[in-house]
Protein backbone atom coordinates (compact mmCIF):
# COMPACT_ATOMS: atom_id res chain seq x y z
CA MET A 1 133.72 123.41 147.90
CA ARG A 2 135.10 125.29 150.92
CA LEU A 3 132.66 128.16 150.36
CA ALA A 4 129.78 125.68 150.12
CA LYS A 5 130.78 124.15 153.47
CA ILE A 6 130.95 127.59 155.08
CA ILE A 7 127.49 128.50 153.75
CA PHE A 8 126.11 125.18 154.98
CA VAL A 9 127.53 125.70 158.49
CA LEU A 10 126.16 129.27 158.59
CA ILE A 11 122.68 128.10 157.56
CA ILE A 12 122.61 125.31 160.14
CA GLY A 13 124.09 127.54 162.85
CA LEU A 14 121.66 130.40 162.21
CA GLY A 15 118.71 128.01 162.09
CA ALA A 16 119.67 126.38 165.38
CA LEU A 17 120.23 129.77 167.02
CA LEU A 18 116.86 131.16 165.91
CA TRP A 19 115.05 128.02 166.99
CA CYS A 20 116.69 128.08 170.44
CA ILE A 21 115.85 131.76 170.96
CA GLY A 22 112.24 131.19 169.88
CA ALA A 23 111.83 128.01 171.92
CA SER A 24 113.03 129.81 175.04
CA GLN A 25 110.01 132.13 174.82
CA PRO A 26 106.38 131.26 175.62
CA VAL A 27 104.11 130.89 172.62
CA TYR A 28 101.59 133.40 174.03
CA THR A 29 101.83 136.21 176.56
CA ASP A 30 98.75 134.63 178.16
CA PRO A 31 98.89 130.80 177.96
CA GLN A 32 95.11 130.59 178.51
CA ALA A 33 94.29 132.89 175.59
CA PRO A 34 93.65 130.18 172.94
CA GLU A 35 91.22 128.25 175.13
CA ARG A 36 89.48 131.40 176.32
CA LEU A 37 89.05 132.75 172.77
CA SER A 38 87.73 129.38 171.59
CA ILE A 39 85.04 129.40 174.27
CA GLN A 40 84.12 133.04 173.67
CA LEU A 41 83.72 132.62 169.91
CA GLN A 42 82.29 129.10 169.61
CA ASP A 43 78.67 130.31 169.22
CA HIS A 44 79.44 132.95 166.59
CA PRO A 45 78.79 132.40 162.86
CA ARG A 46 81.54 130.28 161.30
CA GLU A 47 83.23 132.96 159.16
CA GLN A 48 83.05 135.55 161.92
CA ARG A 49 84.45 133.31 164.61
CA PHE A 50 87.40 132.18 162.48
CA ARG A 51 88.24 135.78 161.57
CA GLU A 52 87.97 137.00 165.15
CA TRP A 53 89.89 133.96 166.42
CA TYR A 54 92.99 134.70 164.33
CA GLU A 55 92.76 138.45 164.96
CA GLY A 56 92.41 137.88 168.69
CA LEU A 57 95.10 135.21 168.90
CA HIS A 58 97.61 137.41 167.09
CA ARG A 59 97.46 139.97 169.91
CA TYR A 60 98.78 137.38 172.38
CA GLU A 61 101.52 135.87 170.22
CA THR A 62 105.17 136.36 171.09
CA SER A 63 108.02 135.97 168.59
CA HIS A 64 108.11 132.23 169.42
CA LYS A 65 106.27 131.12 166.28
CA ARG A 66 108.16 133.30 163.82
CA LEU A 67 111.59 132.44 165.22
CA THR A 68 111.00 128.69 165.59
CA ASP A 69 109.38 128.48 162.14
CA LEU A 70 112.29 130.30 160.50
CA GLY A 71 114.79 128.28 162.55
CA ARG A 72 113.23 124.99 161.46
CA GLY A 73 113.10 126.25 157.88
CA LEU A 74 116.82 127.03 157.87
CA LEU A 75 117.67 123.70 159.52
CA ALA A 76 115.56 121.98 156.85
CA CYS A 77 117.48 123.95 154.24
CA GLY A 78 120.74 122.55 155.58
CA LEU A 79 119.37 119.00 155.55
CA GLY A 80 117.99 119.59 152.05
CA LEU A 81 121.42 120.61 150.79
CA ILE A 82 122.88 117.38 152.17
CA LEU A 83 120.07 115.42 150.53
CA ALA A 84 120.60 117.24 147.22
CA ALA A 85 124.29 116.31 147.26
CA GLY A 86 123.38 112.68 147.94
CA VAL A 87 120.67 112.60 145.27
CA GLY A 88 123.03 114.07 142.68
CA ALA A 89 125.90 111.72 143.59
CA LEU A 90 123.68 108.63 143.48
CA PHE A 91 122.17 109.68 140.16
CA GLN A 92 125.60 110.19 138.58
CA SER A 93 126.84 106.83 139.86
CA PHE A 94 124.51 105.09 137.39
CA HIS A 95 124.86 104.96 133.63
CA GLY A 96 122.68 104.27 130.63
CA ARG A 97 119.12 103.15 131.22
CA SER A 98 119.79 102.46 134.88
CA ARG A 99 120.24 106.21 135.32
CA ALA A 100 116.66 106.77 134.15
CA VAL A 101 115.48 104.14 136.64
CA CYS A 102 117.44 105.88 139.41
CA PHE A 103 115.83 109.20 138.40
CA ALA A 104 112.33 107.69 138.67
CA ILE A 105 112.99 106.09 142.07
CA GLU A 106 114.51 109.27 143.51
CA TRP A 107 111.67 111.36 142.09
CA VAL A 108 108.99 109.20 143.71
CA ALA A 109 110.92 109.03 147.00
CA LEU A 110 111.18 112.83 147.21
CA TRP A 111 107.45 113.26 146.68
CA ALA A 112 106.75 110.49 149.21
CA LEU A 113 108.93 112.30 151.75
CA LYS A 114 106.42 115.15 151.76
CA ILE A 115 103.65 112.95 153.20
CA PRO A 116 105.00 112.28 156.73
CA LEU A 117 106.47 115.79 156.89
CA SER A 118 103.05 117.27 156.11
CA GLY A 119 101.71 115.45 159.18
CA TRP A 120 104.59 116.83 161.24
CA TYR A 121 103.89 120.37 159.95
CA TYR A 122 100.29 120.30 161.18
CA ASP A 123 101.14 118.49 164.43
CA VAL A 124 103.52 121.31 165.39
CA ARG A 125 100.85 123.91 164.74
CA GLN A 126 98.16 121.98 166.56
CA ASP A 127 100.39 121.54 169.62
CA ARG A 128 100.91 125.30 169.89
CA PHE A 129 97.17 126.00 169.42
CA ASP A 130 97.34 127.63 165.99
CA PHE A 131 93.83 126.26 165.44
CA PRO A 132 90.71 126.72 167.60
CA ILE A 133 89.29 123.73 169.47
CA TRP A 134 86.10 123.92 167.36
CA GLY A 135 88.08 124.05 164.11
CA ASP A 136 88.27 121.24 161.57
CA SER A 137 90.51 118.28 162.36
CA VAL A 138 94.10 118.59 161.08
CA ALA A 139 93.52 115.18 159.49
CA ILE A 140 91.61 116.98 156.71
CA PRO A 141 94.53 119.09 155.40
CA VAL A 142 96.94 116.19 155.94
CA ILE A 143 94.80 113.87 153.81
CA SER A 144 94.17 116.52 151.15
CA GLU A 145 97.89 117.30 150.92
CA THR A 146 98.73 113.61 150.72
CA ILE A 147 96.41 113.29 147.72
CA THR A 148 97.99 116.43 146.23
CA TRP A 149 101.50 114.99 146.60
CA ILE A 150 100.48 111.69 144.98
CA VAL A 151 98.84 113.46 142.03
CA GLY A 152 101.77 115.86 141.79
CA CYS A 153 104.22 112.96 141.67
CA ILE A 154 102.32 111.30 138.84
CA VAL A 155 101.79 114.48 136.79
CA THR A 156 105.34 115.79 137.13
CA GLY A 157 106.76 112.32 136.52
CA ILE A 158 104.85 112.09 133.25
CA LEU A 159 106.00 115.61 132.32
CA ALA A 160 109.62 114.69 133.04
CA ALA A 161 109.28 111.57 130.87
CA LEU A 162 107.82 113.65 128.01
CA LEU A 163 110.65 116.16 128.29
CA MET A 164 113.18 113.33 127.97
CA ILE A 165 111.76 112.14 124.63
CA GLY A 166 114.59 112.37 122.11
CA HIS A 167 117.12 113.09 124.87
CA HIS A 168 119.45 111.16 127.15
CA PHE A 169 121.02 111.97 130.51
CA GLU A 170 124.58 113.23 130.37
CA ASP A 171 127.39 112.42 132.79
CA SER A 172 127.58 116.02 134.01
CA PHE A 173 125.02 118.68 134.92
CA SER A 174 126.58 121.27 132.56
CA ILE A 175 123.97 123.06 130.47
CA ARG A 176 124.64 123.40 126.73
CA ARG A 177 123.23 126.08 124.47
CA PRO A 178 120.09 124.59 122.86
CA THR A 179 119.56 124.61 119.10
CA GLY A 180 116.15 124.96 117.51
CA ILE A 181 112.91 126.42 118.81
CA ILE A 182 111.66 123.17 120.40
CA ARG A 183 114.82 122.70 122.45
CA TRP A 184 114.77 126.36 123.48
CA LEU A 185 111.18 125.99 124.67
CA ARG A 186 112.19 122.87 126.57
CA VAL A 187 114.96 124.73 128.40
CA VAL A 188 112.69 127.71 129.12
CA LEU A 189 110.01 125.43 130.57
CA LEU A 190 112.50 123.60 132.79
CA SER A 191 114.07 126.90 133.89
CA LEU A 192 110.64 128.20 134.92
CA TRP A 193 110.06 124.93 136.76
CA LEU A 194 113.39 125.37 138.57
CA GLY A 195 112.46 128.97 139.42
CA ALA A 196 109.10 127.85 140.84
CA MET A 197 110.90 125.29 143.01
CA MET A 198 113.19 128.00 144.35
CA LEU A 199 110.17 130.11 145.28
CA CYS A 200 108.67 127.09 147.08
CA ILE A 201 111.93 126.64 149.00
CA ALA A 202 112.02 130.31 150.04
CA SER A 203 108.38 130.18 151.12
CA GLY A 204 108.97 126.91 153.00
CA VAL A 205 111.98 128.29 154.87
CA TRP A 206 109.99 131.33 156.03
CA ASP A 207 106.99 129.21 157.04
CA GLY A 208 108.97 126.40 158.66
CA ASP A 209 107.61 123.87 156.16
CA GLU A 210 110.34 121.22 156.37
CA GLY A 211 108.72 118.90 153.82
CA MET A 212 108.57 121.57 151.13
CA VAL A 213 112.16 122.73 151.72
CA ILE A 214 113.83 119.32 151.96
CA SER A 215 112.01 117.66 149.07
CA CYS A 216 112.37 120.63 146.70
CA LEU A 217 116.08 121.02 147.43
CA GLY A 218 116.54 117.28 146.99
CA ALA A 219 114.88 117.51 143.57
CA MET A 220 117.17 120.28 142.31
CA PRO A 221 119.87 117.92 140.92
CA LEU A 222 117.19 115.94 139.09
CA LEU A 223 115.85 119.09 137.44
CA ARG A 224 119.40 120.05 136.53
CA ALA A 225 119.77 116.59 134.99
CA LEU A 226 116.66 117.22 132.88
CA ILE A 227 117.93 120.61 131.71
CA SER A 228 121.41 119.27 130.89
CA ALA A 229 120.08 116.20 129.01
CA ALA A 230 121.54 116.01 125.51
CA PRO A 231 119.60 115.29 122.29
CA ASN A 232 119.93 111.78 120.92
CA ARG A 233 122.07 111.44 117.83
CA VAL A 234 120.17 110.40 114.77
């Protein structure tokens, strides 16, 4: 527990430090560069102007974006660890069928958390002129991601329910050695799912995607609960 607290403090401290260093720098060496590039390229063919926009903009970027993105990602990681502890504690405070209800509510809430944080993600990038003035509205990716999160919640929720057929949640998250090919396949599938979530967290930390980091970390105890679920006795 002491080591976990030290790691948490280090993550939060490093994230805050990187963000402060990045925020103290200008976003671009020439603050007028985004507007000037937008005007210069607005009459070019669509694919060409987007390519030249990002190539041209990169030449003016300081380390502001990389440091603030990574700083926010690490801060989100710290908040996600707190959320994961809370999610796990709340889940284990219930018993019997009420535990399954708690799982469902927490699962939906974690997916729903992604929606406002997706809007925040694109607002930050729009404010620092990551996109040209003639580019598509950020409302388009926000809406498309919102739909993706809703569909993802439904699909993964159904998958979790299917994986719980013939099983029940245990009081602890300890994983037992499975018996039989079906149970082995179940554990392998859930382990791959857990691995994919960890990759999403790593990618989100690097990109400063708070919604991805916080929600995926918060879901870790629930995936552990699925893996540690015990077969029903016949």
